Amino acid sequence: MPDITTPNTQQELNLKKLELSALLEITQAINDNLPEPALYKIYRFTLLAQLQISRLVLFVHDESWECKVCFGTEQDFTKQQLPDAIQNIREITKTAKLHVDKKWRTFDIVIPIVHNGKVLAFVMIGKIQPYYHNLGALGFVQTVSNIMLVAIENHKMARQRLAQESIRREIEIAREVQTMLFPKSLPNDTDVAIHASYIPHSSIGGDYYDYIEIDQDQFLFCVADVSGKGVPASLLMSNFQAGLRTILRQTSDLNTVVAELNNLIYRNAIAEKFITTFLALYNRQTRELTYVNAGHNSPILLYENNSHLLLNEGCTMLGVFDVLPFMSVAKVTVPKNAVLLCYTDGLTEVFDEDEAEFGIEGTIEFLKRNRFLSSKMMHLQLLREINLYNEEVSFNDDITLLSCRFK
């Protein structure tokens, strides 16, 4: 039987074979889950070798336009900015029709790669075999490019999902660690009643409070605030808590405790991380409260006659200096029916519509009006009062409250 294949038909068959081979190579590379550089390398080889394209550049939009493939040109297009005239193309266009610099005319054709109405890339080719123009090769280049770029985009999204899942898990672990830092119970006995509330601004906050029995007569309580938020703050706070409890096994002298804590934070904190804290040691028998305020908001000691004392003596915040520049350990005798409120700056740094701060004055006035409420109700009412101070307020920081009633 005679061969009736015409030259054009034979060329078309050859092209289809090349296209099929090219498609199989790209598909295999995608299925092998190769990294992006390898995919671009195979893509370049496939178009140059299988479809006999002599010049090729591929610009991909990844936050900005970047040249990912450049071959067969004297000009290094990886250092060139994609012209606006090309960025506006939405269909296969000859460069001769575009108002572009001469260097871009080294290419004959610009092929936009569009997916779901979004332009992912531009392929520019030059010195393509003339008969390919008539046989749909350009459309095939568009199809192969689309398949590869969508696969790369999907791989990128998959990596982002994995990264987000990893971050989410880290946040869960940090939140669990933070929850474990807080004491499981607080005393309410014949001498004192301690109550604490913690309202995080984000999923992981930087506030901390603690209560530690020293012996049958003495206990320590504290409130602390780490600069920053998130996992780093949570990790630094866990170091602080572990350090505090370890040091207290050796000594309850606050001068030594605070100096050792400062040394610990200074050695372990990353850049610009520090801790403010208020630590107090109470003796049930002598009713003496020994304390150090390390750059923290001043706790309010409210007496039965509604006079008050701000507990602000101590030292600088911890972790800034390798050796604290000054230190003052203060003592105060606490009379019966006094109330002490410790807090973090998320409480006082709330502003009304006139930019007036709720501040320590507002907190003191609140305490005077509500000192006879139960500790739990007093905390709830104080938080409600902040909301009423500015009904549109959204807390910009964590809020921690720790109150101690001395009976």
Protein backbone atom coordinates (compact mmCIF):
# COMPACT_ATOMS: atom_id res chain seq x y z
CA MET A 1 0.00 0.00 0.00
CA PRO A 2 1.56 3.37 -1.00
CA ASP A 3 2.47 5.98 1.64
CA ILE A 4 -0.05 8.79 1.23
CA THR A 5 1.38 10.95 4.06
CA THR A 6 1.99 14.48 2.78
CA PRO A 7 4.95 16.56 4.04
CA ASN A 8 2.60 18.75 6.14
CA THR A 9 0.92 15.69 7.60
CA GLN A 10 4.27 14.16 8.47
CA GLN A 11 5.38 17.39 10.14
CA GLU A 12 2.19 17.48 12.13
CA LEU A 13 2.66 13.87 13.23
CA ASN A 14 6.25 14.59 14.21
CA LEU A 15 5.14 17.61 16.19
CA LYS A 16 2.47 15.61 18.01
CA LYS A 17 5.08 13.00 18.93
CA LEU A 18 7.37 15.74 20.25
CA GLU A 19 4.50 17.33 22.16
CA LEU A 20 3.54 14.00 23.70
CA SER A 21 7.14 13.34 24.68
CA ALA A 22 7.43 16.83 26.17
CA LEU A 23 4.19 16.42 28.10
CA LEU A 24 5.30 13.05 29.49
CA GLU A 25 8.63 14.49 30.66
CA ILE A 26 7.01 17.45 32.42
CA THR A 27 4.30 15.24 33.98
CA GLN A 28 6.88 12.72 35.23
CA ALA A 29 8.96 15.50 36.78
CA ILE A 30 5.87 16.87 38.56
CA ASN A 31 4.86 13.41 39.81
CA ASP A 32 8.37 12.88 41.17
CA ASN A 33 7.78 15.96 43.31
CA LEU A 34 11.04 17.52 42.19
CA PRO A 35 12.07 20.90 43.63
CA GLU A 36 11.34 24.07 41.65
CA PRO A 37 14.86 24.54 40.21
CA ALA A 38 14.79 20.99 38.84
CA LEU A 39 11.35 21.54 37.29
CA TYR A 40 12.50 24.71 35.58
CA LYS A 41 15.58 22.91 34.28
CA ILE A 42 13.51 20.07 32.79
CA TYR A 43 11.03 22.58 31.37
CA ARG A 44 13.85 24.47 29.65
CA PHE A 45 15.41 21.31 28.24
CA THR A 46 12.06 20.01 27.03
CA LEU A 47 11.14 23.13 25.07
CA LEU A 48 14.61 23.65 23.63
CA ALA A 49 15.27 20.05 22.65
CA GLN A 50 11.87 18.59 21.85
CA LEU A 51 10.26 21.62 20.20
CA GLN A 52 13.51 23.01 18.75
CA ILE A 53 13.13 26.47 20.34
CA SER A 54 16.45 28.34 20.26
CA ARG A 55 15.76 31.28 22.60
CA LEU A 56 13.69 31.16 25.73
CA VAL A 57 12.94 33.20 28.83
CA LEU A 58 10.30 32.57 31.46
CA PHE A 59 9.12 35.35 33.79
CA VAL A 60 7.09 34.13 36.78
CA HIS A 61 5.13 36.29 39.21
CA ASP A 62 6.26 35.46 42.74
CA GLU A 63 5.45 38.64 44.71
CA SER A 64 7.24 40.40 41.85
CA TRP A 65 8.18 39.41 38.31
CA GLU A 66 11.27 37.18 38.29
CA CYS A 67 13.09 35.57 35.38
CA LYS A 68 13.30 31.87 36.23
CA VAL A 69 14.60 30.57 32.88
CA CYS A 70 16.95 32.33 30.46
CA PHE A 71 18.62 30.54 27.53
CA GLY A 72 20.01 31.30 24.10
CA THR A 73 20.32 35.08 24.54
CA GLU A 74 23.30 37.42 24.77
CA GLN A 75 21.41 39.57 27.30
CA ASP A 76 21.03 38.31 30.89
CA PHE A 77 17.30 38.75 31.38
CA THR A 78 17.42 37.63 35.03
CA LYS A 79 18.61 41.19 35.76
CA GLN A 80 15.95 42.90 33.63
CA GLN A 81 12.63 44.32 34.72
CA LEU A 82 9.65 43.04 32.77
CA PRO A 83 8.21 45.93 30.67
CA ASP A 84 4.65 47.12 31.29
CA ALA A 85 3.85 46.50 27.61
CA ILE A 86 4.47 42.78 28.18
CA GLN A 87 2.77 42.67 31.60
CA ASN A 88 -0.47 43.86 29.98
CA ILE A 89 -0.60 41.04 27.40
CA ARG A 90 -3.39 38.49 27.79
CA GLU A 91 -3.04 36.53 24.53
CA ILE A 92 -0.18 35.21 22.35
CA THR A 93 1.43 38.29 20.78
CA LYS A 94 4.32 39.01 18.39
CA THR A 95 6.94 41.27 19.97
CA ALA A 96 7.04 43.27 16.73
CA LYS A 97 3.64 44.69 17.71
CA LEU A 98 4.84 45.85 21.12
CA HIS A 99 6.47 49.13 22.17
CA VAL A 100 9.49 47.62 23.89
CA ASP A 101 13.25 48.16 23.87
CA LYS A 102 15.34 46.50 21.18
CA LYS A 103 16.70 43.87 23.59
CA TRP A 104 13.20 42.39 23.95
CA ARG A 105 12.89 41.98 20.16
CA THR A 106 15.38 39.12 20.32
CA PHE A 107 12.18 37.14 20.94
CA ASP A 108 9.51 36.60 18.29
CA ILE A 109 6.57 35.66 20.45
CA VAL A 110 5.25 36.43 23.95
CA ILE A 111 2.96 33.78 25.44
CA PRO A 112 0.99 34.64 28.61
CA ILE A 113 0.28 31.76 31.01
CA VAL A 114 -3.12 32.31 32.62
CA HIS A 115 -4.82 30.22 35.29
CA ASN A 116 -8.22 31.05 36.82
CA GLY A 117 -8.04 34.53 35.31
CA LYS A 118 -4.64 35.23 36.91
CA VAL A 119 -1.47 35.68 34.84
CA LEU A 120 1.11 33.34 36.34
CA ALA A 121 3.93 33.90 33.86
CA PHE A 122 5.12 35.04 30.45
CA VAL A 123 7.06 32.78 28.09
CA MET A 124 9.12 34.52 25.39
CA ILE A 125 10.56 32.44 22.57
CA GLY A 126 12.70 33.19 19.55
CA LYS A 127 13.90 31.45 16.37
CA ILE A 128 11.14 28.85 16.42
CA GLN A 129 10.80 26.68 13.32
CA PRO A 130 8.41 28.54 10.95
CA TYR A 131 6.05 25.64 10.32
CA TYR A 132 5.45 25.29 14.09
CA HIS A 133 3.52 28.55 14.02
CA ASN A 134 0.87 26.93 11.84
CA LEU A 135 0.66 23.64 13.68
CA GLY A 136 -0.41 24.81 17.15
CA ALA A 137 3.02 24.54 18.80
CA LEU A 138 2.57 27.89 20.51
CA GLY A 139 -0.65 26.76 22.13
CA PHE A 140 1.11 23.64 23.30
CA VAL A 141 3.92 25.71 24.85
CA GLN A 142 1.19 27.59 26.67
CA THR A 143 -0.41 24.34 27.86
CA VAL A 144 2.86 22.75 29.05
CA SER A 145 3.85 25.96 30.83
CA ASN A 146 0.47 26.18 32.50
CA ILE A 147 0.68 22.58 33.74
CA MET A 148 4.15 23.12 35.20
CA LEU A 149 3.46 26.48 36.82
CA VAL A 150 0.16 25.37 38.37
CA ALA A 151 1.99 22.32 39.77
CA ILE A 152 4.70 24.58 41.24
CA GLU A 153 2.00 26.84 42.70
CA ASN A 154 0.25 23.81 44.24
CA HIS A 155 3.52 22.52 45.68
CA LYS A 156 4.18 25.94 47.15
CA MET A 157 0.72 26.05 48.73
CA ALA A 158 1.23 22.55 50.11
CA ARG A 159 4.53 23.63 51.70
CA GLN A 160 2.82 26.68 53.16
CA ARG A 161 0.08 24.49 54.62
CA LEU A 162 2.70 22.21 56.18
CA ALA A 163 4.55 25.23 57.57
CA GLN A 164 1.32 26.67 58.96
CA GLU A 165 0.45 23.32 60.50
CA SER A 166 3.89 23.19 62.09
CA ILE A 167 3.47 26.72 63.46
CA ARG A 168 -0.03 25.87 64.73
CA ARG A 169 1.36 22.84 66.55
CA GLU A 170 4.19 24.93 68.04
CA ILE A 171 1.61 27.44 69.27
CA GLU A 172 -0.46 24.63 70.83
CA ILE A 173 2.60 23.29 72.62
CA ALA A 174 3.60 26.76 73.81
CA ARG A 175 0.04 27.38 75.05
CA GLU A 176 0.11 24.07 76.94
CA VAL A 177 3.49 24.98 78.43
CA GLN A 178 2.18 28.37 79.48
CA THR A 179 -0.90 26.84 81.10
CA MET A 180 1.33 24.45 83.05
CA LEU A 181 3.31 27.40 84.42
CA PHE A 182 0.37 28.78 86.38
CA PRO A 183 -0.17 27.33 89.88
CA LYS A 184 -2.92 24.72 90.13
CA SER A 185 -4.38 26.26 93.28
CA LEU A 186 -4.08 29.42 95.36
CA PRO A 187 -4.54 29.70 99.14
CA ASN A 188 -7.71 30.83 100.85
CA ASP A 189 -7.18 30.18 104.55
CA THR A 190 -7.29 31.95 107.91
CA ASP A 191 -4.40 34.27 106.98
CA VAL A 192 -4.78 35.19 103.30
CA ALA A 193 -6.97 34.78 100.24
CA ILE A 194 -5.18 34.95 96.90
CA HIS A 195 -7.00 35.05 93.57
CA ALA A 196 -5.61 35.45 90.03
CA SER A 197 -7.08 36.14 86.58
CA TYR A 198 -5.34 35.94 83.24
CA ILE A 199 -6.78 37.29 79.97
CA PRO A 200 -4.42 36.72 77.00
CA HIS A 201 -4.45 39.19 74.12
CA SER A 202 -3.31 36.50 71.65
CA SER A 203 -3.19 32.73 71.69
CA ILE A 204 0.14 32.86 73.51
CA GLY A 205 0.74 35.68 75.93
CA GLY A 206 3.77 36.96 77.81
CA ASP A 207 2.25 37.35 81.28
CA TYR A 208 2.85 35.06 84.23
CA TYR A 209 1.90 34.75 87.89
CA ASP A 210 2.95 32.26 90.54
CA TYR A 211 2.54 31.21 94.16
CA ILE A 212 5.20 29.12 95.95
CA GLU A 213 5.18 27.83 99.53
CA ILE A 214 8.55 28.33 101.21
CA ASP A 215 7.68 26.82 104.62
CA GLN A 216 4.69 26.73 106.96
CA ASP A 217 5.06 30.43 107.72
CA GLN A 218 6.29 31.94 104.44
CA PHE A 219 5.20 31.95 100.83
CA LEU A 220 6.25 33.84 97.70
CA PHE A 221 3.99 35.20 95.01
CA CYS A 222 4.84 37.10 91.86
CA VAL A 223 3.52 38.65 88.66
CA ALA A 224 5.70 39.04 85.57
CA ASP A 225 5.50 40.32 82.02
CA VAL A 226 7.83 39.37 79.14
CA SER A 227 8.46 41.88 76.37
CA GLY A 228 6.90 40.58 73.17
CA LYS A 229 4.45 37.75 72.67
CA GLY A 230 4.23 34.34 71.05
CA VAL A 231 6.45 31.30 71.33
CA PRO A 232 9.70 33.17 72.24
CA ALA A 233 7.95 34.95 75.13
CA SER A 234 6.44 31.68 76.33
CA LEU A 235 9.82 29.92 76.26
CA LEU A 236 11.54 32.75 78.13
CA MET A 237 8.80 32.76 80.74
CA SER A 238 9.17 29.00 81.23
CA ASN A 239 12.90 29.61 81.85
CA PHE A 240 11.97 32.30 84.36
CA GLN A 241 9.60 30.00 86.23
CA ALA A 242 12.01 27.07 86.28
CA GLY A 243 14.81 29.37 87.42
CA LEU A 244 12.71 30.93 90.16
CA ARG A 245 11.68 27.59 91.64
CA THR A 246 15.22 26.21 91.43
CA ILE A 247 16.72 29.26 93.17
CA LEU A 248 14.06 29.18 95.91
CA ARG A 249 15.16 25.65 96.83
CA GLN A 250 18.52 27.14 97.76
CA THR A 251 17.52 30.49 99.28
CA SER A 252 14.53 32.78 99.83
CA ASP A 253 16.70 35.88 100.16
CA LEU A 254 15.13 38.19 97.55
CA ASN A 255 18.39 40.02 96.91
CA THR A 256 19.98 36.76 95.78
CA VAL A 257 16.84 35.48 94.04
CA VAL A 258 16.46 38.56 91.87
CA ALA A 259 20.17 38.79 91.04
CA GLU A 260 20.22 35.14 89.95
CA LEU A 261 17.05 35.57 87.91
CA ASN A 262 18.55 38.58 86.15
CA ASN A 263 21.66 36.56 85.30
CA LEU A 264 19.49 33.73 83.95
CA ILE A 265 17.37 36.01 81.75
CA TYR A 266 20.40 37.95 80.51
CA ARG A 267 22.07 34.72 79.36
CA ASN A 268 18.98 33.13 77.83
CA ALA A 269 16.95 36.00 76.37
CA ILE A 270 17.19 36.71 72.66
CA ALA A 271 17.68 40.28 71.42
CA GLU A 272 15.42 42.93 72.95
CA LYS A 273 13.70 40.49 75.30
CA PHE A 274 13.41 41.35 78.99
CA ILE A 275 11.10 40.69 81.92
CA THR A 276 9.45 43.01 84.40
CA THR A 277 8.33 41.36 87.61
CA PHE A 278 7.08 41.93 91.13
CA LEU A 279 8.16 39.33 93.70
CA ALA A 280 6.91 39.37 97.29
CA LEU A 281 7.65 37.16 100.28
CA TYR A 282 5.02 37.13 103.05
CA ASN A 283 5.50 35.89 106.60
CA ARG A 284 2.23 34.80 108.18
CA GLN A 285 3.57 35.13 111.73
CA THR A 286 5.22 38.57 111.57
CA ARG A 287 2.85 39.92 108.85
CA GLU A 288 5.93 41.30 107.08
CA LEU A 289 5.82 41.61 103.28
CA THR A 290 9.30 41.71 101.74
CA TYR A 291 9.32 42.62 98.06
CA VAL A 292 11.31 43.64 94.98
CA ASN A 293 9.73 45.50 92.08
CA ALA A 294 11.89 44.85 88.99
CA GLY A 295 10.63 47.53 86.61
CA HIS A 296 7.03 46.34 86.97
CA ASN A 297 3.78 48.24 87.41
CA SER A 298 3.47 49.26 91.04
CA PRO A 299 1.11 46.98 93.00
CA ILE A 300 -1.45 48.79 95.14
CA LEU A 301 -1.66 48.02 98.86
CA LEU A 302 -5.01 49.35 100.05
CA TYR A 303 -5.51 49.75 103.79
CA GLU A 304 -8.77 49.41 105.71
CA ASN A 305 -9.12 53.21 105.99
CA ASN A 306 -8.86 53.47 102.16
CA SER A 307 -5.37 54.99 102.22
CA HIS A 308 -2.91 53.20 99.98
CA LEU A 309 0.77 52.49 99.33
CA LEU A 310 2.41 51.84 95.95
CA LEU A 311 5.02 49.09 96.12
CA ASN A 312 7.58 50.43 93.67
CA GLU A 313 10.99 49.89 95.29
CA GLY A 314 13.38 47.40 93.74
CA CYS A 315 15.54 47.40 90.63
CA THR A 316 15.49 47.68 86.85
CA MET A 317 13.78 45.15 84.59
CA LEU A 318 15.52 41.78 84.33
CA GLY A 319 17.68 40.71 81.41
CA VAL A 320 18.88 44.14 80.28
CA PHE A 321 22.14 44.32 82.27
CA ASP A 322 24.50 41.46 83.12
CA VAL A 323 24.69 42.91 86.63
CA LEU A 324 21.82 44.95 88.04
CA PRO A 325 22.96 48.58 88.49
CA PHE A 326 21.02 48.98 91.75
CA MET A 327 18.88 46.89 94.10
CA SER A 328 16.50 47.68 96.91
CA VAL A 329 14.66 45.03 98.93
CA ALA A 330 11.77 46.71 100.74
CA LYS A 331 9.70 45.62 103.73
CA VAL A 332 6.25 46.65 104.83
CA THR A 333 4.13 45.41 107.72
CA VAL A 334 0.65 44.57 106.50
CA PRO A 335 -2.26 45.31 108.87
CA LYS A 336 -5.44 43.27 108.96
CA ASN A 337 -8.05 43.72 106.23
CA ALA A 338 -5.57 45.18 103.75
CA VAL A 339 -5.88 44.27 100.06
CA LEU A 340 -2.97 44.05 97.63
CA LEU A 341 -3.57 44.17 93.86
CA CYS A 342 -0.79 43.18 91.45
CA TYR A 343 -1.36 43.57 87.72
CA THR A 344 0.33 43.92 84.35
CA ASP A 345 0.24 47.00 82.12
CA GLY A 346 -2.59 45.61 79.97
CA LEU A 347 -4.92 46.73 82.79
CA THR A 348 -3.90 50.36 83.11
CA GLU A 349 -2.99 51.15 79.50
CA VAL A 350 -6.59 51.47 78.33
CA PHE A 351 -7.78 54.79 76.86
CA ASP A 352 -11.20 56.35 76.51
CA GLU A 353 -12.46 58.22 73.43
CA ASP A 354 -10.66 61.37 74.63
CA GLU A 355 -7.35 59.47 74.88
CA ALA A 356 -7.43 59.67 78.68
CA GLU A 357 -5.75 56.65 80.28
CA PHE A 358 -7.58 54.47 82.82
CA GLY A 359 -4.23 54.30 84.59
CA ILE A 360 -3.26 53.58 88.14
CA GLU A 361 -5.53 56.36 89.44
CA GLY A 362 -8.57 54.69 87.92
CA THR A 363 -7.48 51.37 89.40
CA ILE A 364 -7.05 52.85 92.89
CA GLU A 365 -10.48 54.48 92.76
CA PHE A 366 -11.99 51.19 91.65
CA LEU A 367 -10.38 49.35 94.57
CA LYS A 368 -11.74 51.86 97.07
CA ARG A 369 -15.28 51.40 95.75
CA ASN A 370 -15.19 47.60 95.44
CA ARG A 371 -12.84 46.35 98.14
CA PHE A 372 -15.58 44.38 99.91
CA LEU A 373 -16.51 42.29 96.87
CA SER A 374 -15.24 38.72 96.79
CA SER A 375 -11.88 38.40 95.04
CA LYS A 376 -13.42 36.70 92.03
CA MET A 377 -16.17 39.28 91.69
CA MET A 378 -13.71 42.12 92.20
CA HIS A 379 -11.62 40.87 89.26
CA LEU A 380 -14.68 40.45 87.04
CA GLN A 381 -15.97 43.88 87.96
CA LEU A 382 -12.60 45.49 87.28
CA LEU A 383 -12.45 43.95 83.80
CA ARG A 384 -16.02 45.10 83.20
CA GLU A 385 -15.07 48.61 84.31
CA ILE A 386 -12.29 48.71 81.71
CA ASN A 387 -14.77 47.77 79.03
CA LEU A 388 -17.14 50.49 80.19
CA TYR A 389 -14.28 53.01 80.20
CA ASN A 390 -14.16 52.54 76.47
CA GLU A 391 -16.93 50.32 75.11
CA GLU A 392 -15.11 49.97 71.80
CA VAL A 393 -11.84 48.97 73.44
CA SER A 394 -10.00 45.89 72.27
CA PHE A 395 -7.27 44.87 74.68
CA ASN A 396 -3.85 45.57 73.13
CA ASP A 397 -2.00 43.47 75.67
CA ASP A 398 -2.44 40.58 78.06
CA ILE A 399 -4.06 41.37 81.38
CA THR A 400 -3.04 39.59 84.56
CA LEU A 401 -4.54 40.33 87.97
CA LEU A 402 -3.38 38.87 91.27
CA SER A 403 -5.02 40.06 94.46
CA CYS A 404 -4.14 39.10 98.02
CA ARG A 405 -6.46 39.78 100.97
CA PHE A 406 -4.69 39.84 104.30
CA LYS A 407 -7.10 38.70 107.02
